[in-house]
Amino acid sequence: MTVQMATSPDAPQTPTNAGRRIVVVGCGPKGLYCLERLCFELHRQTNHGSVRHRVTILEPSEFCGAGAVYNPRQPKYLRMNFAAGYINAWHPESPCCDDHSSLVGWLADKHQTDPQPQAFAPRAVVGEYLHDCFRKVLRRMRQVADVDVIRTRAREIRKRRGVWRVTASDQQVFDAEEVLVTVGHEGWRSSAVTALDGVERPQMVPVFPTEKHLRPSIIPAGSVVAVRGFGLSWIDAALSLTEGRGGLFEDVGDRWRYRPGGEEPKLVLPFSRTGRPMLAKPLASQMNLPRNLSHVWETGRANIANIQRPVGVAAIRQELWPAITQAAGHALAVAEGTRSTDDGAQARIQQFFKQWCSGKMSPQTATRQIRHSVDVAYGRKSVDAAWALGEAWRHLYPAIVELVSHGGLTAEAWQPFNHIARELERISFGPPAENLQRVLALIDHGIIDLKFVSAHSGLSNARLPNLRTNDFDAEITHCVNAVIPSAQSIDETGPLGDLLRRQTIRRLHGTLGIEVDRAGQPINDGQIDTEGLAILGRPTEGCILGNDTLSRTLHNNIDRWAAKVAERCRTAVTAE
């Protein structure tokens, strides 16, 4: 049901009952998690039988809970890089609904399958699960509130006479005492591309949604396709142009082989700034790993927790980085048994990272790193420094999030920290090994060529755009932009852009994510009251570390926000 909650552009709407008006702007996974907590908190109030709150959800995509990223209608070959066993949309201790299955339990019940927790599900399937969870929360929420779900996009948020006013792109107006902004990626957007050396760049096709932008009518069979970016999204582009066009992958022992479908491009040429790839996530079930590593990670997290905030440049180098490499070295020494000591293993970790970061990576080295990480992930080769460093970053990450978030780093410390975090994300948070098996099969088949992987792009005077290195030059017919805008790249036409321009909100240290307190309320210079406004999720990255996750345990900001809103709801009703 679509309801226009205010018709006058001048005066805030008067509430029709004693309940609180709450507007949720954006309802992907983060919005779902917030609604789940709010539903729980409202049900805890003993007087909810006589008071009806009003919750209005504004979400432009078709499937609330899933959003654009997890659209259930996207192709099944687009897979998660987060194992199924870790995906659970419900609060780990006190879910708001009796039916609160994890993804694995939901798959077993709904699809009558025996899903493996270590498997990497299609994003569409995860989206179906998230949307199903949203519908359950919606039914439960409607017991204590009047809920409207409106398919629209918010354009601006302003405070008038103590009431927040949300204006949508279709000019609908919504007044509320509470506004939550969880817009995530703000829809599918492409990152900005700067022309090089004053030369006009080729027109770039966005990678998402792949079924719209990468179909054969846009990029015909036989094309030579340059792909900007070498992260997770470039793999989605490569698979969309091959597997998505009828190609098949066959398991031939330790390697996979690609069988063309006939509609593929002639070549797919990724290019990036560094050429450094993302490495495969290890499959613990297929690796012969020691069971006594938990104490290694506990010690590492304790060492990080003991670092004094705010962390400066010196502490990054002398305390945080040594704590990470020490844990990685200890894990590697334990995994190798008597073959190494902790100190020797830590030195190998540091040497590996130094080499990893030393300039642009050659195509041969990038291919070798990918292939080796796949072999390690499947247990075909022994663990090494890359494995240990990746495991350390993953297991220590909750402590790092706690240390860094909400002003835990000085402004000067962000540059060295980001350098470490950016590189360790490539090593730690890469794709499932099966996806890199597919990439290697496409390399072996000759469809993917990495010779331009650390190349710049530009146009020559020739008729077609060129990719160039010192040694190679290739004419391309199409270019795909597989670089997603950073969390700091806010849509200027959306509600956050408007709030920034009006200085209702600000960035942490002037350049990072939106600065908020631990309940998501924006922090500014104090000239504009932000009570009743909350921003959570990706736009706060930097102020809150690690937002791009489906984890319900990494942060507690959502719990704090819901409790705070519920308390204001209770107080308002009591005042009546």
Protein backbone atom coordinates (compact mmCIF):
# COMPACT_ATOMS: atom_id res chain seq x y z
CA MET A 1 0.00 0.00 0.00
CA THR A 2 1.31 3.42 -0.97
CA VAL A 3 0.40 6.25 1.39
CA GLN A 4 1.31 9.90 1.04
CA MET A 5 1.77 10.85 4.67
CA ALA A 6 1.85 14.61 4.21
CA THR A 7 0.27 16.77 1.55
CA SER A 8 1.39 20.21 2.60
CA PRO A 9 4.94 21.19 1.68
CA ASP A 10 5.01 23.80 4.46
CA ALA A 11 3.77 22.33 7.72
CA PRO A 12 4.70 19.01 9.31
CA GLN A 13 1.87 16.51 9.42
CA THR A 14 0.15 16.09 12.78
CA PRO A 15 0.24 12.52 14.13
CA THR A 16 -3.13 10.76 14.07
CA ASN A 17 -2.47 8.91 17.35
CA ALA A 18 0.01 8.83 20.20
CA GLY A 19 2.35 6.50 18.34
CA ARG A 20 5.74 7.45 17.00
CA ARG A 21 6.29 7.93 13.26
CA ILE A 22 9.36 6.14 11.94
CA VAL A 23 10.66 6.30 8.36
CA VAL A 24 13.24 3.79 7.15
CA VAL A 25 15.08 5.05 4.07
CA GLY A 26 16.53 2.05 2.24
CA CYS A 27 15.75 -1.56 3.08
CA GLY A 28 18.44 -3.94 1.92
CA PRO A 29 20.02 -6.34 4.43
CA LYS A 30 21.04 -3.57 6.84
CA GLY A 31 17.55 -2.11 6.83
CA LEU A 32 16.13 -5.58 7.44
CA TYR A 33 18.42 -6.08 10.42
CA CYS A 34 17.37 -2.73 11.85
CA LEU A 35 13.68 -3.52 11.43
CA GLU A 36 14.17 -6.90 13.09
CA ARG A 37 15.70 -5.24 16.16
CA LEU A 38 13.09 -2.48 16.23
CA CYS A 39 10.34 -5.09 16.04
CA PHE A 40 11.87 -6.94 19.00
CA GLU A 41 12.18 -3.76 21.08
CA LEU A 42 8.63 -2.57 20.36
CA HIS A 43 7.22 -5.96 21.33
CA ARG A 44 9.04 -5.73 24.65
CA GLN A 45 7.01 -2.68 25.62
CA THR A 46 4.10 -3.64 27.84
CA ASN A 47 1.76 -0.91 26.60
CA HIS A 48 1.91 -1.65 22.89
CA GLY A 49 -1.65 -2.97 22.88
CA SER A 50 -3.13 0.53 23.14
CA VAL A 51 -0.67 2.41 20.93
CA ARG A 52 -0.02 2.00 17.23
CA HIS A 53 3.25 3.32 15.90
CA ARG A 54 3.65 4.05 12.18
CA VAL A 55 6.59 2.65 10.26
CA THR A 56 7.11 3.69 6.64
CA ILE A 57 9.71 1.85 4.56
CA LEU A 58 11.04 3.58 1.43
CA GLU A 59 12.94 1.20 -0.84
CA PRO A 60 13.27 1.57 -4.63
CA SER A 61 14.12 -2.07 -5.40
CA GLU A 62 11.46 -4.74 -5.72
CA PHE A 63 12.57 -7.03 -2.90
CA CYS A 64 12.94 -5.48 0.55
CA GLY A 65 15.57 -7.19 2.65
CA ALA A 66 17.51 -8.15 -0.45
CA GLY A 67 17.92 -4.78 -2.14
CA ALA A 68 19.76 -4.42 -5.43
CA VAL A 69 22.86 -6.43 -4.46
CA TYR A 70 20.93 -9.58 -3.54
CA ASN A 71 18.11 -9.29 -6.07
CA PRO A 72 16.51 -12.78 -6.21
CA ARG A 73 16.10 -12.45 -9.98
CA GLN A 74 19.77 -12.01 -10.80
CA PRO A 75 21.59 -14.88 -12.55
CA LYS A 76 22.49 -17.89 -10.41
CA TYR A 77 26.12 -17.89 -11.56
CA LEU A 78 26.75 -14.74 -9.50
CA ARG A 79 27.90 -16.25 -6.21
CA MET A 80 28.58 -15.14 -2.66
CA ASN A 81 32.09 -14.75 -1.29
CA PHE A 82 30.69 -15.42 2.21
CA ALA A 83 30.08 -19.08 3.12
CA ALA A 84 26.47 -20.15 3.62
CA GLY A 85 27.11 -21.28 7.18
CA TYR A 86 27.85 -17.71 8.26
CA ILE A 87 24.63 -16.20 6.89
CA ASN A 88 21.85 -15.68 9.43
CA ALA A 89 19.56 -12.66 9.21
CA TRP A 90 18.33 -13.06 12.77
CA HIS A 91 19.71 -11.69 16.01
CA PRO A 92 21.94 -14.39 17.53
CA GLU A 93 20.43 -14.13 21.03
CA SER A 94 16.88 -12.79 20.84
CA PRO A 95 15.29 -12.91 17.37
CA CYS A 96 11.96 -11.14 17.03
CA CYS A 97 10.21 -14.09 15.36
CA ASP A 98 9.74 -17.71 16.38
CA ASP A 99 10.59 -18.83 12.85
CA HIS A 100 14.21 -17.66 12.60
CA SER A 101 16.11 -20.11 10.42
CA SER A 102 19.62 -19.42 9.23
CA LEU A 103 20.29 -19.64 5.49
CA VAL A 104 21.40 -23.27 5.82
CA GLY A 105 18.27 -24.21 7.79
CA TRP A 106 16.04 -22.26 5.40
CA LEU A 107 17.55 -24.02 2.37
CA ALA A 108 17.03 -27.42 3.98
CA ASP A 109 13.41 -26.60 4.77
CA LYS A 110 12.32 -24.64 1.70
CA HIS A 111 14.39 -26.27 -1.04
CA GLN A 112 14.57 -29.74 0.51
CA THR A 113 18.32 -29.81 0.02
CA ASP A 114 21.23 -30.71 2.29
CA PRO A 115 23.27 -27.51 1.99
CA GLN A 116 26.90 -27.51 3.03
CA PRO A 117 27.82 -24.69 5.44
CA GLN A 118 31.14 -24.28 3.59
CA ALA A 119 29.39 -23.79 0.23
CA PHE A 120 29.02 -20.40 -1.46
CA ALA A 121 25.42 -19.89 -2.49
CA PRO A 122 24.21 -17.85 -5.47
CA ARG A 123 23.47 -14.28 -4.45
CA ALA A 124 19.96 -14.68 -5.85
CA VAL A 125 19.26 -17.52 -3.40
CA VAL A 126 20.56 -15.43 -0.51
CA GLY A 127 18.32 -12.60 -1.70
CA GLU A 128 15.31 -14.92 -1.68
CA TYR A 129 16.17 -15.87 1.90
CA LEU A 130 16.60 -12.24 2.99
CA HIS A 131 13.30 -11.22 1.40
CA ASP A 132 11.55 -14.11 3.12
CA CYS A 133 13.01 -12.94 6.45
CA PHE A 134 11.74 -9.43 5.70
CA ARG A 135 8.20 -10.71 5.16
CA LYS A 136 8.32 -12.51 8.51
CA VAL A 137 9.52 -9.36 10.27
CA LEU A 138 6.83 -7.35 8.49
CA ARG A 139 4.06 -9.65 9.74
CA ARG A 140 5.41 -9.47 13.27
CA MET A 141 5.91 -5.69 13.13
CA ARG A 142 2.30 -5.15 12.05
CA GLN A 143 1.16 -6.46 15.42
CA VAL A 144 2.49 -3.28 17.07
CA ALA A 145 2.63 -0.76 14.23
CA ASP A 146 0.96 0.35 11.04
CA VAL A 147 3.52 -0.42 8.34
CA ASP A 148 3.64 0.93 4.80
CA VAL A 149 6.15 -0.34 2.24
CA ILE A 150 6.55 2.19 -0.55
CA ARG A 151 8.64 1.55 -3.63
CA THR A 152 10.33 4.90 -4.05
CA ARG A 153 13.68 6.58 -3.56
CA ALA A 154 14.27 9.30 -0.97
CA ARG A 155 15.73 12.53 -2.36
CA GLU A 156 16.15 14.77 0.67
CA ILE A 157 15.80 14.78 4.45
CA ARG A 158 15.32 18.00 6.41
CA LYS A 159 14.20 18.96 9.90
CA ARG A 160 11.33 21.42 10.23
CA ARG A 161 9.90 22.56 13.55
CA GLY A 162 11.31 19.56 15.36
CA VAL A 163 10.02 17.02 12.82
CA TRP A 164 12.03 15.26 10.13
CA ARG A 165 10.65 15.53 6.62
CA VAL A 166 11.61 13.02 3.93
CA THR A 167 10.89 13.96 0.33
CA ALA A 168 10.92 11.20 -2.26
CA SER A 169 11.98 11.45 -5.89
CA ASP A 170 8.31 11.18 -6.89
CA GLN A 171 7.53 14.19 -4.61
CA GLN A 172 5.77 12.18 -1.91
CA VAL A 173 6.43 13.72 1.51
CA PHE A 174 6.76 11.85 4.79
CA ASP A 175 7.00 13.44 8.25
CA ALA A 176 8.42 11.50 11.17
CA GLU A 177 10.00 11.82 14.58
CA GLU A 178 12.50 9.09 13.68
CA VAL A 179 14.33 8.61 10.39
CA LEU A 180 16.78 5.78 9.74
CA VAL A 181 18.97 5.90 6.63
CA THR A 182 20.36 2.54 5.47
CA VAL A 183 20.88 3.15 1.76
CA GLY A 184 23.95 0.91 1.33
CA HIS A 185 25.34 1.22 -2.20
CA GLU A 186 22.52 3.67 -3.10
CA GLY A 187 21.54 1.45 -6.00
CA TRP A 188 23.77 0.28 -8.83
CA ARG A 189 26.18 3.08 -9.66
CA SER A 190 29.47 3.11 -11.52
CA SER A 191 32.56 4.70 -10.07
CA ALA A 192 33.89 7.82 -11.73
CA VAL A 193 36.54 7.33 -14.40
CA THR A 194 39.07 10.07 -15.00
CA ALA A 195 40.45 10.59 -18.49
CA LEU A 196 44.19 9.99 -18.67
CA ASP A 197 46.64 12.50 -20.13
CA GLY A 198 43.80 14.67 -21.39
CA VAL A 199 42.59 11.95 -23.77
CA GLU A 200 38.90 11.20 -23.98
CA ARG A 201 38.15 7.80 -22.50
CA PRO A 202 36.03 5.10 -24.16
CA GLN A 203 32.45 4.85 -23.03
CA MET A 204 32.27 2.35 -20.19
CA VAL A 205 29.39 -0.03 -19.56
CA PRO A 206 28.50 -0.57 -15.88
CA VAL A 207 28.88 -4.15 -14.71
CA PHE A 208 25.62 -4.30 -12.71
CA PRO A 209 23.02 -5.42 -13.26
CA THR A 210 24.86 -7.88 -15.50
CA GLU A 211 21.73 -9.20 -17.17
CA LYS A 212 21.01 -5.67 -18.42
CA HIS A 213 24.44 -4.29 -19.31
CA LEU A 214 26.42 -7.36 -20.39
CA ARG A 215 23.89 -9.12 -22.60
CA PRO A 216 24.85 -10.01 -26.20
CA SER A 217 22.86 -7.13 -27.68
CA ILE A 218 25.15 -4.73 -25.76
CA ILE A 219 28.41 -6.69 -26.03
CA PRO A 220 28.17 -9.02 -29.04
CA ALA A 221 29.95 -12.32 -29.42
CA GLY A 222 33.49 -11.92 -30.70
CA SER A 223 34.05 -8.57 -28.99
CA VAL A 224 37.33 -7.58 -27.37
CA VAL A 225 36.27 -6.43 -23.91
CA ALA A 226 38.41 -4.44 -21.50
CA VAL A 227 37.28 -4.68 -17.88
CA ARG A 228 38.31 -1.93 -15.48
CA GLY A 229 39.02 -3.43 -12.07
CA PHE A 230 40.53 -6.63 -10.71
CA GLY A 231 38.38 -7.30 -7.64
CA LEU A 232 35.24 -9.34 -7.04
CA SER A 233 33.13 -7.47 -9.60
CA TRP A 234 35.49 -8.17 -12.50
CA ILE A 235 34.99 -11.89 -11.84
CA ASP A 236 31.24 -11.34 -12.06
CA ALA A 237 31.78 -9.59 -15.39
CA ALA A 238 33.96 -12.40 -16.74
CA LEU A 239 31.48 -15.10 -15.73
CA SER A 240 28.54 -13.11 -17.11
CA LEU A 241 30.27 -12.92 -20.50
CA THR A 242 31.02 -16.66 -20.57
CA GLU A 243 29.08 -18.92 -18.21
CA GLY A 244 26.18 -16.49 -18.48
CA ARG A 245 26.10 -17.07 -22.24
CA GLY A 246 25.87 -20.83 -22.15
CA GLY A 247 29.49 -21.79 -21.54
CA LEU A 248 30.17 -24.74 -19.25
CA PHE A 249 32.96 -25.67 -16.86
CA GLU A 250 34.08 -29.29 -16.58
CA ASP A 251 36.01 -30.77 -13.67
CA VAL A 252 39.09 -32.54 -15.03
CA GLY A 253 40.92 -33.56 -11.88
CA ASP A 254 42.78 -30.75 -10.17
CA ARG A 255 41.82 -28.29 -12.90
CA TRP A 256 38.66 -27.14 -14.59
CA ARG A 257 38.17 -26.89 -18.34
CA TYR A 258 35.94 -24.42 -20.16
CA ARG A 259 33.61 -25.52 -22.95
CA PRO A 260 32.43 -22.49 -24.95
CA GLY A 261 28.78 -21.82 -25.62
CA GLY A 262 29.47 -19.84 -28.80
CA GLU A 263 28.32 -16.39 -27.66
CA GLU A 264 31.46 -15.38 -25.77
CA PRO A 265 33.66 -12.36 -26.46
CA LYS A 266 36.90 -13.06 -28.28
CA LEU A 267 38.93 -11.67 -25.38
CA VAL A 268 38.33 -10.35 -21.87
CA LEU A 269 41.17 -8.04 -20.77
CA PRO A 270 41.09 -6.86 -17.14
CA PHE A 271 43.17 -3.82 -16.20
CA SER A 272 43.82 -2.15 -12.84
CA ARG A 273 46.24 0.10 -10.96
CA THR A 274 48.33 -2.62 -9.31
CA GLY A 275 47.58 -5.95 -10.96
CA ARG A 276 47.31 -7.57 -7.54
CA PRO A 277 44.55 -10.20 -7.51
CA MET A 278 42.12 -11.35 -4.87
CA LEU A 279 43.11 -14.74 -3.47
CA ALA A 280 40.84 -17.72 -2.90
CA LYS A 281 39.10 -18.22 0.42
CA PRO A 282 40.38 -21.42 2.08
CA LEU A 283 38.04 -24.39 2.36
CA ALA A 284 38.75 -25.61 5.89
CA SER A 285 36.82 -28.85 5.30
CA GLN A 286 39.29 -29.84 2.56
CA MET A 287 42.47 -28.74 4.33
CA ASN A 288 44.53 -30.62 6.88
CA LEU A 289 44.68 -27.89 9.52
CA PRO A 290 45.55 -28.12 13.21
CA ARG A 291 42.65 -27.79 15.63
CA ASN A 292 44.53 -25.75 18.21
CA LEU A 293 44.55 -22.39 16.43
CA SER A 294 41.77 -20.79 18.49
CA HIS A 295 44.21 -19.77 21.22
CA VAL A 296 46.36 -18.05 18.57
CA TRP A 297 43.46 -15.85 17.52
CA GLU A 298 42.33 -15.21 21.10
CA THR A 299 45.82 -14.01 21.99
CA GLY A 300 45.94 -11.83 18.88
CA ARG A 301 42.57 -10.23 19.63
CA ALA A 302 43.64 -9.57 23.23
CA ASN A 303 46.85 -7.89 22.02
CA ILE A 304 44.85 -5.62 19.73
CA ALA A 305 42.34 -4.80 22.47
CA ASN A 306 45.23 -3.59 24.65
CA ILE A 307 46.30 -0.95 22.11
CA GLN A 308 45.46 2.51 23.40
CA ARG A 309 43.04 4.68 21.40
CA PRO A 310 43.31 6.87 19.42
CA VAL A 311 45.87 4.94 17.44
CA GLY A 312 48.50 7.08 15.74
CA VAL A 313 50.92 6.37 12.91
CA ALA A 314 53.59 5.08 15.29
CA ALA A 315 51.16 2.69 16.98
CA ILE A 316 50.06 1.31 13.59
CA ARG A 317 53.66 0.40 12.82
CA GLN A 318 54.83 -0.58 16.30
CA GLU A 319 51.73 -2.21 17.81
CA LEU A 320 48.88 -3.04 15.40
CA TRP A 321 50.87 -4.39 12.46
CA PRO A 322 53.20 -6.46 14.73
CA ALA A 323 50.12 -7.91 16.49
CA ILE A 324 48.73 -9.04 13.12
CA THR A 325 51.98 -10.51 11.82
CA GLN A 326 52.74 -12.14 15.17
CA ALA A 327 49.39 -13.95 15.13
CA ALA A 328 49.89 -14.94 11.50
CA GLY A 329 53.41 -16.17 12.22
CA HIS A 330 52.25 -18.18 15.23
CA ALA A 331 49.47 -19.79 13.16
CA LEU A 332 51.90 -20.66 10.39
CA ALA A 333 54.37 -22.15 12.87
CA VAL A 334 51.62 -24.27 14.45
CA ALA A 335 50.40 -25.42 11.04
CA GLU A 336 53.91 -26.40 9.96
CA GLY A 337 54.70 -28.20 13.21
CA THR A 338 58.41 -28.32 13.98
CA ARG A 339 59.47 -26.91 10.64
CA SER A 340 59.51 -23.31 11.82
CA THR A 341 59.57 -21.12 14.90
CA ASP A 342 57.19 -18.26 15.62
CA ASP A 343 59.89 -15.65 14.98
CA GLY A 344 60.99 -17.27 11.75
CA ALA A 345 57.41 -17.60 10.53
CA GLN A 346 56.64 -13.98 11.44
CA ALA A 347 59.67 -12.86 9.42
CA ARG A 348 58.35 -14.84 6.43
CA ILE A 349 54.96 -13.17 6.85
CA GLN A 350 56.54 -9.72 6.81
CA GLN A 351 58.72 -10.58 3.82
CA PHE A 352 55.73 -11.92 1.87
CA PHE A 353 53.72 -8.75 2.50
CA LYS A 354 56.65 -6.55 1.51
CA GLN A 355 57.01 -8.41 -1.78
CA TRP A 356 53.24 -8.42 -2.32
CA CYS A 357 53.11 -4.62 -2.09
CA SER A 358 56.28 -3.92 -4.08
CA GLY A 359 55.00 -2.19 -7.19
CA LYS A 360 52.74 -3.47 -9.92
CA MET A 361 52.32 -7.22 -10.21
CA SER A 362 53.17 -8.83 -13.51
CA PRO A 363 50.58 -10.96 -15.34
CA GLN A 364 52.67 -14.08 -14.74
CA THR A 365 52.95 -13.42 -11.00
CA ALA A 366 49.24 -12.60 -10.69
CA THR A 367 48.30 -15.86 -12.43
CA ARG A 368 50.71 -17.80 -10.25
CA GLN A 369 49.30 -16.23 -7.07
CA ILE A 370 45.73 -17.07 -8.09
CA ARG A 371 46.58 -20.66 -9.01
CA HIS A 372 48.58 -21.24 -5.83
CA SER A 373 45.81 -19.81 -3.61
CA VAL A 374 43.32 -22.19 -5.22
CA ASP A 375 45.61 -25.16 -4.60
CA VAL A 376 46.04 -24.14 -0.95
CA ALA A 377 42.29 -23.58 -0.56
CA TYR A 378 41.54 -27.11 -1.77
CA GLY A 379 44.28 -28.66 0.35
CA ARG A 380 46.38 -29.64 -2.65
CA LYS A 381 49.35 -27.61 -1.39
CA SER A 382 50.62 -26.78 2.07
CA VAL A 383 49.60 -23.58 3.79
CA ASP A 384 51.93 -20.62 3.38
CA ALA A 385 52.43 -17.01 4.42
CA ALA A 386 49.48 -15.76 2.35
CA TRP A 387 47.17 -18.27 4.02
CA ALA A 388 48.41 -17.33 7.49
CA LEU A 389 48.09 -13.59 6.89
CA GLY A 390 44.61 -14.00 5.45
CA GLU A 391 43.49 -16.15 8.37
CA ALA A 392 44.93 -13.67 10.85
CA TRP A 393 43.09 -10.72 9.30
CA ARG A 394 39.79 -12.63 9.24
CA HIS A 395 40.03 -13.87 12.83
CA LEU A 396 41.39 -10.64 14.29
CA TYR A 397 38.98 -8.43 12.36
CA PRO A 398 36.35 -8.08 15.14
CA ALA A 399 39.02 -6.70 17.48
CA ILE A 400 40.29 -4.38 14.74
CA VAL A 401 36.73 -3.13 14.12
CA GLU A 402 36.35 -2.36 17.82
CA LEU A 403 39.73 -0.62 17.95
CA VAL A 404 39.31 1.54 14.85
CA SER A 405 35.61 2.48 14.83
CA HIS A 406 34.27 5.76 16.21
CA GLY A 407 37.48 7.75 16.16
CA GLY A 408 39.88 4.96 17.08
CA LEU A 409 42.47 6.24 14.60
CA THR A 410 43.97 9.69 14.35
CA ALA A 411 43.48 11.47 11.04
CA GLU A 412 47.13 10.86 10.11
CA ALA A 413 46.91 7.12 10.87
CA TRP A 414 44.25 6.43 8.26
CA GLN A 415 46.66 6.36 5.32
CA PRO A 416 48.94 3.60 6.70
CA PHE A 417 45.94 1.71 8.07
CA ASN A 418 44.11 1.85 4.73
CA HIS A 419 47.22 0.56 2.97
CA ILE A 420 47.26 -2.50 5.24
CA ALA A 421 43.49 -3.01 5.09
CA ARG A 422 43.24 -2.65 1.30
CA GLU A 423 45.94 -5.25 0.65
CA LEU A 424 44.74 -7.67 3.32
CA GLU A 425 41.22 -7.54 1.90
CA ARG A 426 42.63 -8.92 -1.35
CA ILE A 427 44.35 -11.70 0.58
CA SER A 428 41.58 -12.40 3.13
CA PHE A 429 38.18 -11.55 1.66
CA GLY A 430 38.52 -12.90 -1.85
CA PRO A 431 36.17 -15.09 -3.89
CA PRO A 432 35.43 -18.77 -3.31
CA ALA A 433 38.03 -21.10 -4.77
CA GLU A 434 35.50 -22.48 -7.26
CA ASN A 435 35.11 -19.04 -8.87
CA LEU A 436 38.87 -18.69 -9.27
CA GLN A 437 38.89 -22.21 -10.75
CA ARG A 438 36.57 -20.80 -13.39
CA VAL A 439 38.82 -17.80 -13.97
CA LEU A 440 41.84 -20.07 -14.39
CA ALA A 441 39.91 -22.23 -16.85
CA LEU A 442 39.09 -19.13 -18.89
CA ILE A 443 42.75 -18.07 -18.79
CA ASP A 444 43.83 -21.54 -19.93
CA HIS A 445 41.22 -21.45 -22.70
CA GLY A 446 42.51 -18.08 -23.90
CA ILE A 447 39.37 -15.98 -23.37
CA ILE A 448 40.84 -14.11 -20.40
CA ASP A 449 44.23 -12.51 -20.98
CA LEU A 450 46.00 -10.82 -18.08
CA LYS A 451 48.73 -9.10 -20.08
CA PHE A 452 47.13 -5.69 -19.39
CA VAL A 453 46.28 -6.40 -15.76
CA SER A 454 48.35 -3.49 -14.46
CA ALA A 455 47.87 -1.29 -17.53
CA HIS A 456 46.44 2.19 -17.84
CA SER A 457 43.63 2.84 -20.29
CA GLY A 458 43.31 5.50 -22.92
CA LEU A 459 42.61 6.19 -26.57
CA SER A 460 45.08 6.25 -29.37
CA ASN A 461 44.46 8.05 -32.66
CA ALA A 462 43.19 4.79 -34.08
CA ARG A 463 39.52 4.17 -34.81
CA LEU A 464 39.05 1.95 -31.74
CA PRO A 465 40.05 2.48 -28.12
CA ASN A 466 43.32 0.87 -27.09
CA LEU A 467 44.73 -0.74 -24.00
CA ARG A 468 48.44 -0.08 -23.73
CA THR A 469 51.45 -1.20 -21.75
CA ASN A 470 55.13 -0.70 -22.49
CA ASP A 471 55.14 -4.02 -24.33
CA PHE A 472 51.62 -4.53 -25.65
CA ASP A 473 48.87 -2.65 -27.43
CA ALA A 474 45.38 -3.99 -28.12
CA GLU A 475 42.34 -2.50 -29.81
CA ILE A 476 39.18 -3.01 -27.77
CA THR A 477 35.58 -2.85 -28.88
CA HIS A 478 33.90 -2.51 -25.47
CA CYS A 479 34.88 -1.49 -21.95
CA VAL A 480 33.17 -2.60 -18.73
CA ASN A 481 33.52 -0.61 -15.51
CA ALA A 482 33.80 -3.22 -12.75
CA VAL A 483 34.92 -0.78 -10.04
CA ILE A 484 32.14 -0.11 -7.54
CA PRO A 485 32.05 3.38 -5.99
CA SER A 486 33.78 3.55 -2.64
CA ALA A 487 31.77 3.94 0.55
CA GLN A 488 32.89 7.59 0.63
CA SER A 489 31.48 8.21 -2.85
CA ILE A 490 27.99 9.35 -1.87
CA ASP A 491 25.30 9.93 -4.49
CA GLU A 492 24.98 13.71 -4.72
CA THR A 493 21.35 13.40 -5.83
CA GLY A 494 20.34 11.28 -2.84
CA PRO A 495 19.41 12.11 0.76
CA LEU A 496 22.96 11.87 2.12
CA GLY A 497 24.26 14.31 -0.47
CA ASP A 498 21.58 16.79 0.58
CA LEU A 499 22.35 16.32 4.29
CA LEU A 500 26.06 16.89 3.65
CA ARG A 501 25.45 20.07 1.67
CA ARG A 502 23.33 21.45 4.50
CA GLN A 503 25.97 20.41 7.06
CA THR A 504 23.42 18.38 8.98
CA ILE A 505 25.95 15.57 8.79
CA ARG A 506 29.71 15.55 8.28
CA ARG A 507 32.50 13.17 7.39
CA LEU A 508 34.89 11.84 10.02
CA HIS A 509 38.17 13.78 9.67
CA GLY A 510 36.57 15.59 6.74
CA THR A 511 37.17 12.84 4.16
CA LEU A 512 35.99 9.51 5.58
CA GLY A 513 32.55 8.03 6.21
CA ILE A 514 29.66 9.86 7.85
CA GLU A 515 30.46 10.48 11.51
CA VAL A 516 27.90 8.92 13.85
CA ASP A 517 27.72 7.88 17.48
CA ARG A 518 27.35 4.27 18.59
CA ALA A 519 23.59 4.36 17.97
CA GLY A 520 23.97 5.83 14.48
CA GLN A 521 23.03 9.43 15.32
CA PRO A 522 25.06 11.85 13.18
CA ILE A 523 27.68 14.00 14.88
CA ASN A 524 28.16 17.52 13.56
CA ASP A 525 29.38 20.87 14.85
CA GLY A 526 26.37 21.16 17.15
CA GLN A 527 24.59 23.88 15.17
CA ILE A 528 21.92 21.50 13.85
CA ASP A 529 20.08 19.06 16.11
CA THR A 530 20.23 15.49 14.74
CA GLU A 531 18.12 13.74 17.38
CA GLY A 532 15.79 11.28 15.70
CA LEU A 533 18.07 10.84 12.67
CA ALA A 534 20.29 7.78 12.31
CA ILE A 535 22.60 6.58 9.55
CA LEU A 536 23.91 3.02 9.57
CA GLY A 537 25.73 0.82 7.10
CA ARG A 538 28.07 1.49 4.21
CA PRO A 539 28.01 5.34 4.18
CA THR A 540 29.54 5.34 7.68
CA GLU A 541 32.58 3.27 6.59
CA GLY A 542 35.60 4.72 8.31
CA CYS A 543 33.64 5.90 11.31
CA ILE A 544 32.34 2.34 11.66
CA LEU A 545 34.69 -0.22 10.11
CA GLY A 546 33.55 -3.27 8.14
CA ASN A 547 30.02 -2.44 6.96
CA ASP A 548 30.07 -4.57 3.79
CA THR A 549 29.02 -7.75 5.56
CA LEU A 550 25.95 -9.86 6.26
CA SER A 551 27.24 -10.62 9.76
CA ARG A 552 24.87 -9.94 12.66
CA THR A 553 27.66 -10.20 15.26
CA LEU A 554 30.38 -7.84 14.01
CA HIS A 555 28.66 -4.63 15.16
CA ASN A 556 26.15 -3.70 17.88
CA ASN A 557 25.14 -0.28 16.49
CA ILE A 558 21.83 -1.66 15.24
CA ASP A 559 20.91 -2.95 18.70
CA ARG A 560 21.74 0.43 20.22
CA TRP A 561 19.69 2.30 17.62
CA ALA A 562 16.62 0.11 18.08
CA ALA A 563 16.77 0.34 21.88
CA LYS A 564 17.13 4.12 21.70
CA VAL A 565 14.17 4.53 19.33
CA ALA A 566 12.00 2.19 21.39
CA GLU A 567 12.81 4.16 24.53
CA ARG A 568 11.79 7.41 22.83
CA CYS A 569 8.59 5.71 21.68
CA ARG A 570 7.86 4.68 25.27
CA THR A 571 8.68 8.12 26.63
CA ALA A 572 6.45 9.84 24.06
CA VAL A 573 3.52 7.58 24.89
CA THR A 574 4.02 8.13 28.63
CA ALA A 575 4.04 11.89 28.08
CA GLU A 576 0.67 11.66 26.34
